[in-house]
Amino acid sequence: MNKKFYKYVNTVFVVVPMTLIMAFVGLIRNYGFGEDWFFKFLKAWSVMLPVAYLAAFIIIPQARKFTERLIKN
């Protein structure tokens, strides 16, 4: 794989399952398995996925820097 796309693809493999789990748990806790639970799930997940994907590019580098500073001391 081209190194240029590695971080984007890697982020997808982290964000997609995490947001699926979060959307499912949030839906079940708030609404349960109602009549239209699947559409509510898709609606929640369609908002979560792009937000989490973009947030990951902000959070991951900052978390890496913080961890490096913490471990060095």
PDB file of N, CA and C in Angstrom:
ATOM      1  N   MET A   1       0.846  -1.187   0.000  1.00  0.00           N
ATOM      2  CA  MET A   1       0.000   0.000   0.000  1.00  0.00           C
ATOM      3  C   MET A   1       0.884   1.240   0.000  1.00  0.00           C
ATOM      4  N   ASN A   2       0.409   2.228  -0.665  1.00  0.00           N
ATOM      5  CA  ASN A   2       1.111   3.503  -0.727  1.00  0.00           C
ATOM      6  C   ASN A   2       1.102   4.151   0.656  1.00  0.00           C
ATOM      7  N   LYS A   3       2.283   4.558   1.127  1.00  0.00           N
ATOM      8  CA  LYS A   3       2.401   5.189   2.453  1.00  0.00           C
ATOM      9  C   LYS A   3       1.579   6.463   2.555  1.00  0.00           C
ATOM     10  N   LYS A   4       1.317   7.090   1.433  1.00  0.00           N
ATOM     11  CA  LYS A   4       0.589   8.346   1.411  1.00  0.00           C
ATOM     12  C   LYS A   4      -0.828   8.185   1.964  1.00  0.00           C
ATOM     13  N   PHE A   5      -1.456   7.043   1.727  1.00  0.00           N
ATOM     14  CA  PHE A   5      -2.831   6.805   2.140  1.00  0.00           C
ATOM     15  C   PHE A   5      -2.947   5.986   3.414  1.00  0.00           C
ATOM     16  N   TYR A   6      -1.826   5.566   3.982  1.00  0.00           N
ATOM     17  CA  TYR A   6      -1.847   4.669   5.138  1.00  0.00           C
ATOM     18  C   TYR A   6      -2.641   5.240   6.312  1.00  0.00           C
ATOM     19  N   LYS A   7      -2.381   6.488   6.695  1.00  0.00           N
ATOM     20  CA  LYS A   7      -3.047   7.038   7.881  1.00  0.00           C
ATOM     21  C   LYS A   7      -4.550   7.226   7.659  1.00  0.00           C
ATOM     22  N   TYR A   8      -4.960   7.493   6.428  1.00  0.00           N
ATOM     23  CA  TYR A   8      -6.383   7.654   6.141  1.00  0.00           C
ATOM     24  C   TYR A   8      -7.124   6.316   6.227  1.00  0.00           C
ATOM     25  N   VAL A   9      -6.533   5.281   5.666  1.00  0.00           N
ATOM     26  CA  VAL A   9      -7.150   3.960   5.697  1.00  0.00           C
ATOM     27  C   VAL A   9      -7.133   3.401   7.115  1.00  0.00           C
ATOM     28  N   ASN A  10      -6.023   3.586   7.822  1.00  0.00           N
ATOM     29  CA  ASN A  10      -5.924   3.125   9.196  1.00  0.00           C
ATOM     30  C   ASN A  10      -6.976   3.797  10.078  1.00  0.00           C
ATOM     31  N   THR A  11      -7.190   5.075   9.869  1.00  0.00           N
ATOM     32  CA  THR A  11      -8.192   5.808  10.642  1.00  0.00           C
ATOM     33  C   THR A  11      -9.593   5.285  10.359  1.00  0.00           C
ATOM     34  N   VAL A  12      -9.877   4.922   9.127  1.00  0.00           N
ATOM     35  CA  VAL A  12     -11.183   4.341   8.788  1.00  0.00           C
ATOM     36  C   VAL A  12     -11.404   3.054   9.565  1.00  0.00           C
ATOM     37  N   PHE A  13     -10.368   2.197   9.650  1.00  0.00           N
ATOM     38  CA  PHE A  13     -10.510   0.926  10.351  1.00  0.00           C
ATOM     39  C   PHE A  13     -10.661   1.087  11.858  1.00  0.00           C
ATOM     40  N   VAL A  14     -10.287   2.208  12.396  1.00  0.00           N
ATOM     41  CA  VAL A  14     -10.505   2.488  13.821  1.00  0.00           C
ATOM     42  C   VAL A  14     -11.863   3.147  14.031  1.00  0.00           C
ATOM     43  N   VAL A  15     -12.191   4.115  13.203  1.00  0.00           N
ATOM     44  CA  VAL A  15     -13.387   4.937  13.410  1.00  0.00           C
ATOM     45  C   VAL A  15     -14.676   4.170  13.088  1.00  0.00           C
ATOM     46  N   VAL A  16     -14.711   3.409  12.029  1.00  0.00           N
ATOM     47  CA  VAL A  16     -15.949   2.736  11.625  1.00  0.00           C
ATOM     48  C   VAL A  16     -16.461   1.781  12.707  1.00  0.00           C
ATOM     49  N   PRO A  17     -15.651   0.830  13.196  1.00  0.00           N
ATOM     50  CA  PRO A  17     -16.206  -0.054  14.230  1.00  0.00           C
ATOM     51  C   PRO A  17     -16.531   0.679  15.537  1.00  0.00           C
ATOM     52  N   MET A  18     -15.717   1.666  15.884  1.00  0.00           N
ATOM     53  CA  MET A  18     -15.978   2.392  17.119  1.00  0.00           C
ATOM     54  C   MET A  18     -17.298   3.159  17.049  1.00  0.00           C
ATOM     55  N   THR A  19     -17.551   3.819  15.938  1.00  0.00           N
ATOM     56  CA  THR A  19     -18.805   4.563  15.817  1.00  0.00           C
ATOM     57  C   THR A  19     -20.004   3.634  15.687  1.00  0.00           C
ATOM     58  N   LEU A  20     -19.820   2.479  15.061  1.00  0.00           N
ATOM     59  CA  LEU A  20     -20.913   1.498  15.001  1.00  0.00           C
ATOM     60  C   LEU A  20     -21.316   1.061  16.403  1.00  0.00           C
ATOM     61  N   ILE A  21     -20.335   0.759  17.224  1.00  0.00           N
ATOM     62  CA  ILE A  21     -20.607   0.329  18.591  1.00  0.00           C
ATOM     63  C   ILE A  21     -21.250   1.454  19.393  1.00  0.00           C
ATOM     64  N   MET A  22     -20.713   2.656  19.268  1.00  0.00           N
ATOM     65  CA  MET A  22     -21.256   3.786  20.025  1.00  0.00           C
ATOM     66  C   MET A  22     -22.681   4.116  19.595  1.00  0.00           C
ATOM     67  N   ALA A  23     -22.962   4.103  18.306  1.00  0.00           N
ATOM     68  CA  ALA A  23     -24.316   4.390  17.828  1.00  0.00           C
ATOM     69  C   ALA A  23     -25.295   3.322  18.304  1.00  0.00           C
ATOM     70  N   PHE A  24     -24.873   2.073  18.275  1.00  0.00           N
ATOM     71  CA  PHE A  24     -25.742   0.981  18.699  1.00  0.00           C
ATOM     72  C   PHE A  24     -26.048   1.066  20.190  1.00  0.00           C
ATOM     73  N   VAL A  25     -25.022   1.268  21.003  1.00  0.00           N
ATOM     74  CA  VAL A  25     -25.216   1.356  22.453  1.00  0.00           C
ATOM     75  C   VAL A  25     -26.074   2.573  22.803  1.00  0.00           C
ATOM     76  N   GLY A  26     -25.791   3.713  22.191  1.00  0.00           N
ATOM     77  CA  GLY A  26     -26.591   4.911  22.447  1.00  0.00           C
ATOM     78  C   GLY A  26     -28.041   4.733  22.064  1.00  0.00           C
ATOM     79  N   LEU A  27     -28.272   4.105  20.942  1.00  0.00           N
ATOM     80  CA  LEU A  27     -29.642   3.867  20.491  1.00  0.00           C
ATOM     81  C   LEU A  27     -30.383   2.938  21.438  1.00  0.00           C
ATOM     82  N   ILE A  28     -29.762   1.864  21.821  1.00  0.00           N
ATOM     83  CA  ILE A  28     -30.412   0.885  22.693  1.00  0.00           C
ATOM     84  C   ILE A  28     -30.684   1.497  24.065  1.00  0.00           C
ATOM     85  N   ARG A  29     -29.746   2.267  24.585  1.00  0.00           N
ATOM     86  CA  ARG A  29     -29.959   2.901  25.895  1.00  0.00           C
ATOM     87  C   ARG A  29     -31.070   3.941  25.861  1.00  0.00           C
ATOM     88  N   ASN A  30     -31.162   4.701  24.790  1.00  0.00           N
ATOM     89  CA  ASN A  30     -32.137   5.786  24.735  1.00  0.00           C
ATOM     90  C   ASN A  30     -33.511   5.369  24.226  1.00  0.00           C
ATOM     91  N   TYR A  31     -33.543   4.461  23.260  1.00  0.00           N
ATOM     92  CA  TYR A  31     -34.815   4.125  22.623  1.00  0.00           C
ATOM     93  C   TYR A  31     -35.192   2.653  22.728  1.00  0.00           C
ATOM     94  N   GLY A  32     -34.248   1.772  22.886  1.00  0.00           N
ATOM     95  CA  GLY A  32     -34.531   0.343  22.877  1.00  0.00           C
ATOM     96  C   GLY A  32     -34.786  -0.134  21.451  1.00  0.00           C
ATOM     97  N   PHE A  33     -35.270  -1.360  21.333  1.00  0.00           N
ATOM     98  CA  PHE A  33     -35.576  -1.921  20.021  1.00  0.00           C
ATOM     99  C   PHE A  33     -37.017  -1.599  19.652  1.00  0.00           C
ATOM    100  N   GLY A  34     -37.238  -0.348  19.324  1.00  0.00           N
ATOM    101  CA  GLY A  34     -38.574   0.083  18.929  1.00  0.00           C
ATOM    102  C   GLY A  34     -38.880  -0.312  17.494  1.00  0.00           C
ATOM    103  N   GLU A  35     -39.937   0.240  17.002  1.00  0.00           N
ATOM    104  CA  GLU A  35     -40.403  -0.105  15.661  1.00  0.00           C
ATOM    105  C   GLU A  35     -39.411   0.297  14.576  1.00  0.00           C
ATOM    106  N   ASP A  36     -38.845   1.466  14.673  1.00  0.00           N
ATOM    107  CA  ASP A  36     -37.929   1.962  13.627  1.00  0.00           C
ATOM    108  C   ASP A  36     -36.502   2.122  14.142  1.00  0.00           C
ATOM    109  N   TRP A  37     -36.044   1.167  14.960  1.00  0.00           N
ATOM    110  CA  TRP A  37     -34.729   1.285  15.570  1.00  0.00           C
ATOM    111  C   TRP A  37     -33.604   1.286  14.539  1.00  0.00           C
ATOM    112  N   PHE A  38     -33.765   0.527  13.466  1.00  0.00           N
ATOM    113  CA  PHE A  38     -32.693   0.439  12.472  1.00  0.00           C
ATOM    114  C   PHE A  38     -32.470   1.774  11.765  1.00  0.00           C
ATOM    115  N   PHE A  39     -33.536   2.475  11.441  1.00  0.00           N
ATOM    116  CA  PHE A  39     -33.393   3.778  10.779  1.00  0.00           C
ATOM    117  C   PHE A  39     -32.831   4.836  11.722  1.00  0.00           C
ATOM    118  N   LYS A  40     -33.205   4.747  12.987  1.00  0.00           N
ATOM    119  CA  LYS A  40     -32.611   5.647  13.984  1.00  0.00           C
ATOM    120  C   LYS A  40     -31.120   5.375  14.119  1.00  0.00           C
ATOM    121  N   PHE A  41     -30.763   4.091  14.084  1.00  0.00           N
ATOM    122  CA  PHE A  41     -29.355   3.705  14.153  1.00  0.00           C
ATOM    123  C   PHE A  41     -28.577   4.269  12.963  1.00  0.00           C
ATOM    124  N   LEU A  42     -29.101   4.107  11.762  1.00  0.00           N
ATOM    125  CA  LEU A  42     -28.423   4.619  10.568  1.00  0.00           C
ATOM    126  C   LEU A  42     -28.304   6.144  10.592  1.00  0.00           C
ATOM    127  N   LYS A  43     -29.339   6.794  11.086  1.00  0.00           N
ATOM    128  CA  LYS A  43     -29.322   8.250  11.177  1.00  0.00           C
ATOM    129  C   LYS A  43     -28.247   8.717  12.156  1.00  0.00           C
ATOM    130  N   ALA A  44     -28.171   8.081  13.312  1.00  0.00           N
ATOM    131  CA  ALA A  44     -27.157   8.445  14.312  1.00  0.00           C
ATOM    132  C   ALA A  44     -25.756   8.146  13.783  1.00  0.00           C
ATOM    133  N   TRP A  45     -25.597   6.989  13.153  1.00  0.00           N
ATOM    134  CA  TRP A  45     -24.283   6.598  12.676  1.00  0.00           C
ATOM    135  C   TRP A  45     -23.815   7.472  11.519  1.00  0.00           C
ATOM    136  N   SER A  46     -24.742   7.910  10.668  1.00  0.00           N
ATOM    137  CA  SER A  46     -24.357   8.749   9.531  1.00  0.00           C
ATOM    138  C   SER A  46     -23.855  10.118   9.989  1.00  0.00           C
ATOM    139  N   VAL A  47     -24.260  10.543  11.169  1.00  0.00           N
ATOM    140  CA  VAL A  47     -23.738  11.796  11.726  1.00  0.00           C
ATOM    141  C   VAL A  47     -22.427  11.534  12.456  1.00  0.00           C
ATOM    142  N   MET A  48     -22.376  10.446  13.199  1.00  0.00           N
ATOM    143  CA  MET A  48     -21.184  10.128  14.005  1.00  0.00           C
ATOM    144  C   MET A  48     -19.944   9.853  13.155  1.00  0.00           C
ATOM    145  N   LEU A  49     -20.118   9.137  12.080  1.00  0.00           N
ATOM    146  CA  LEU A  49     -18.966   8.688  11.295  1.00  0.00           C
ATOM    147  C   LEU A  49     -18.111   9.839  10.761  1.00  0.00           C
ATOM    148  N   PRO A  50     -18.660  10.804  10.047  1.00  0.00           N
ATOM    149  CA  PRO A  50     -17.792  11.878   9.552  1.00  0.00           C
ATOM    150  C   PRO A  50     -17.226  12.758  10.672  1.00  0.00           C
ATOM    151  N   VAL A  51     -18.009  12.971  11.725  1.00  0.00           N
ATOM    152  CA  VAL A  51     -17.508  13.781  12.842  1.00  0.00           C
ATOM    153  C   VAL A  51     -16.334  13.075  13.508  1.00  0.00           C
ATOM    154  N   ALA A  52     -16.473  11.795  13.776  1.00  0.00           N
ATOM    155  CA  ALA A  52     -15.398  11.041  14.422  1.00  0.00           C
ATOM    156  C   ALA A  52     -14.178  10.917  13.518  1.00  0.00           C
ATOM    157  N   TYR A  53     -14.396  10.757  12.230  1.00  0.00           N
ATOM    158  CA  TYR A  53     -13.278  10.625  11.288  1.00  0.00           C
ATOM    159  C   TYR A  53     -12.445  11.909  11.267  1.00  0.00           C
ATOM    160  N   LEU A  54     -13.113  13.046  11.197  1.00  0.00           N
ATOM    161  CA  LEU A  54     -12.381  14.317  11.195  1.00  0.00           C
ATOM    162  C   LEU A  54     -11.746  14.597  12.558  1.00  0.00           C
ATOM    163  N   ALA A  55     -12.455  14.281  13.625  1.00  0.00           N
ATOM    164  CA  ALA A  55     -11.908  14.503  14.967  1.00  0.00           C
ATOM    165  C   ALA A  55     -10.683  13.641  15.226  1.00  0.00           C
ATOM    166  N   ALA A  56     -10.647  12.461  14.638  1.00  0.00           N
ATOM    167  CA  ALA A  56      -9.500  11.573  14.833  1.00  0.00           C
ATOM    168  C   ALA A  56      -8.211  12.202  14.320  1.00  0.00           C
ATOM    169  N   PHE A  57      -8.282  12.966  13.240  1.00  0.00           N
ATOM    170  CA  PHE A  57      -7.075  13.600  12.707  1.00  0.00           C
ATOM    171  C   PHE A  57      -6.594  14.750  13.583  1.00  0.00           C
ATOM    172  N   ILE A  58      -7.458  15.250  14.426  1.00  0.00           N
ATOM    173  CA  ILE A  58      -7.049  16.290  15.375  1.00  0.00           C
ATOM    174  C   ILE A  58      -6.556  15.659  16.670  1.00  0.00           C
ATOM    175  N   ILE A  59      -7.254  14.638  17.146  1.00  0.00           N
ATOM    176  CA  ILE A  59      -6.963  14.047  18.446  1.00  0.00           C
ATOM    177  C   ILE A  59      -5.750  13.126  18.419  1.00  0.00           C
ATOM    178  N   ILE A  60      -5.611  12.298  17.408  1.00  0.00           N
ATOM    179  CA  ILE A  60      -4.539  11.300  17.380  1.00  0.00           C
ATOM    180  C   ILE A  60      -3.149  11.931  17.448  1.00  0.00           C
ATOM    181  N   PRO A  61      -2.821  12.955  16.659  1.00  0.00           N
ATOM    182  CA  PRO A  61      -1.480  13.548  16.788  1.00  0.00           C
ATOM    183  C   PRO A  61      -1.241  14.190  18.162  1.00  0.00           C
ATOM    184  N   GLN A  62      -2.265  14.822  18.716  1.00  0.00           N
ATOM    185  CA  GLN A  62      -2.124  15.430  20.036  1.00  0.00           C
ATOM    186  C   GLN A  62      -1.939  14.361  21.110  1.00  0.00           C
ATOM    187  N   ALA A  63      -2.668  13.279  21.005  1.00  0.00           N
ATOM    188  CA  ALA A  63      -2.539  12.180  21.962  1.00  0.00           C
ATOM    189  C   ALA A  63      -1.161  11.538  21.862  1.00  0.00           C
ATOM    190  N   ARG A  64      -0.637  11.421  20.651  1.00  0.00           N
ATOM    191  CA  ARG A  64       0.696  10.845  20.467  1.00  0.00           C
ATOM    192  C   ARG A  64       1.753  11.728  21.121  1.00  0.00           C
ATOM    193  N   LYS A  65       1.654  13.041  20.931  1.00  0.00           N
ATOM    194  CA  LYS A  65       2.606  13.965  21.547  1.00  0.00           C
ATOM    195  C   LYS A  65       2.522  13.919  23.064  1.00  0.00           C
ATOM    196  N   PHE A  66       1.308  13.917  23.593  1.00  0.00           N
ATOM    197  CA  PHE A  66       1.113  13.870  25.035  1.00  0.00           C
ATOM    198  C   PHE A  66       1.673  12.578  25.619  1.00  0.00           C
ATOM    199  N   THR A  67       1.435  11.459  24.957  1.00  0.00           N
ATOM    200  CA  THR A  67       1.933  10.163  25.419  1.00  0.00           C
ATOM    201  C   THR A  67       3.455  10.132  25.400  1.00  0.00           C
ATOM    202  N   GLU A  68       4.062  10.659  24.354  1.00  0.00           N
ATOM    203  CA  GLU A  68       5.526  10.688  24.281  1.00  0.00           C
ATOM    204  C   GLU A  68       6.114  11.513  25.418  1.00  0.00           C
ATOM    205  N   ARG A  69       5.500  12.667  25.715  1.00  0.00           N
ATOM    206  CA  ARG A  69       5.983  13.490  26.816  1.00  0.00           C
ATOM    207  C   ARG A  69       5.786  12.784  28.160  1.00  0.00           C
ATOM    208  N   LEU A  70       4.683  12.111  28.328  1.00  0.00           N
ATOM    209  CA  LEU A  70       4.386  11.424  29.580  1.00  0.00           C
ATOM    210  C   LEU A  70       5.335  10.253  29.817  1.00  0.00           C
ATOM    211  N   ILE A  71       5.615   9.502  28.773  1.00  0.00           N
ATOM    212  CA  ILE A  71       6.464   8.328  28.898  1.00  0.00           C
ATOM    213  C   ILE A  71       7.939   8.716  29.096  1.00  0.00           C
ATOM    214  N   LYS A  72       8.390   9.805  28.483  1.00  0.00           N
ATOM    215  CA  LYS A  72       9.775  10.240  28.627  1.00  0.00           C
ATOM    216  C   LYS A  72      10.108  10.629  30.064  1.00  0.00           C
ATOM    217  N   ASN A  73       9.134  11.212  30.760  1.00  0.00           N
ATOM    218  CA  ASN A  73       9.394  11.667  32.136  1.00  0.00           C
ATOM    219  C   ASN A  73       9.232  10.566  33.075  1.00  0.00           C
TER     220      ASN A  73
END
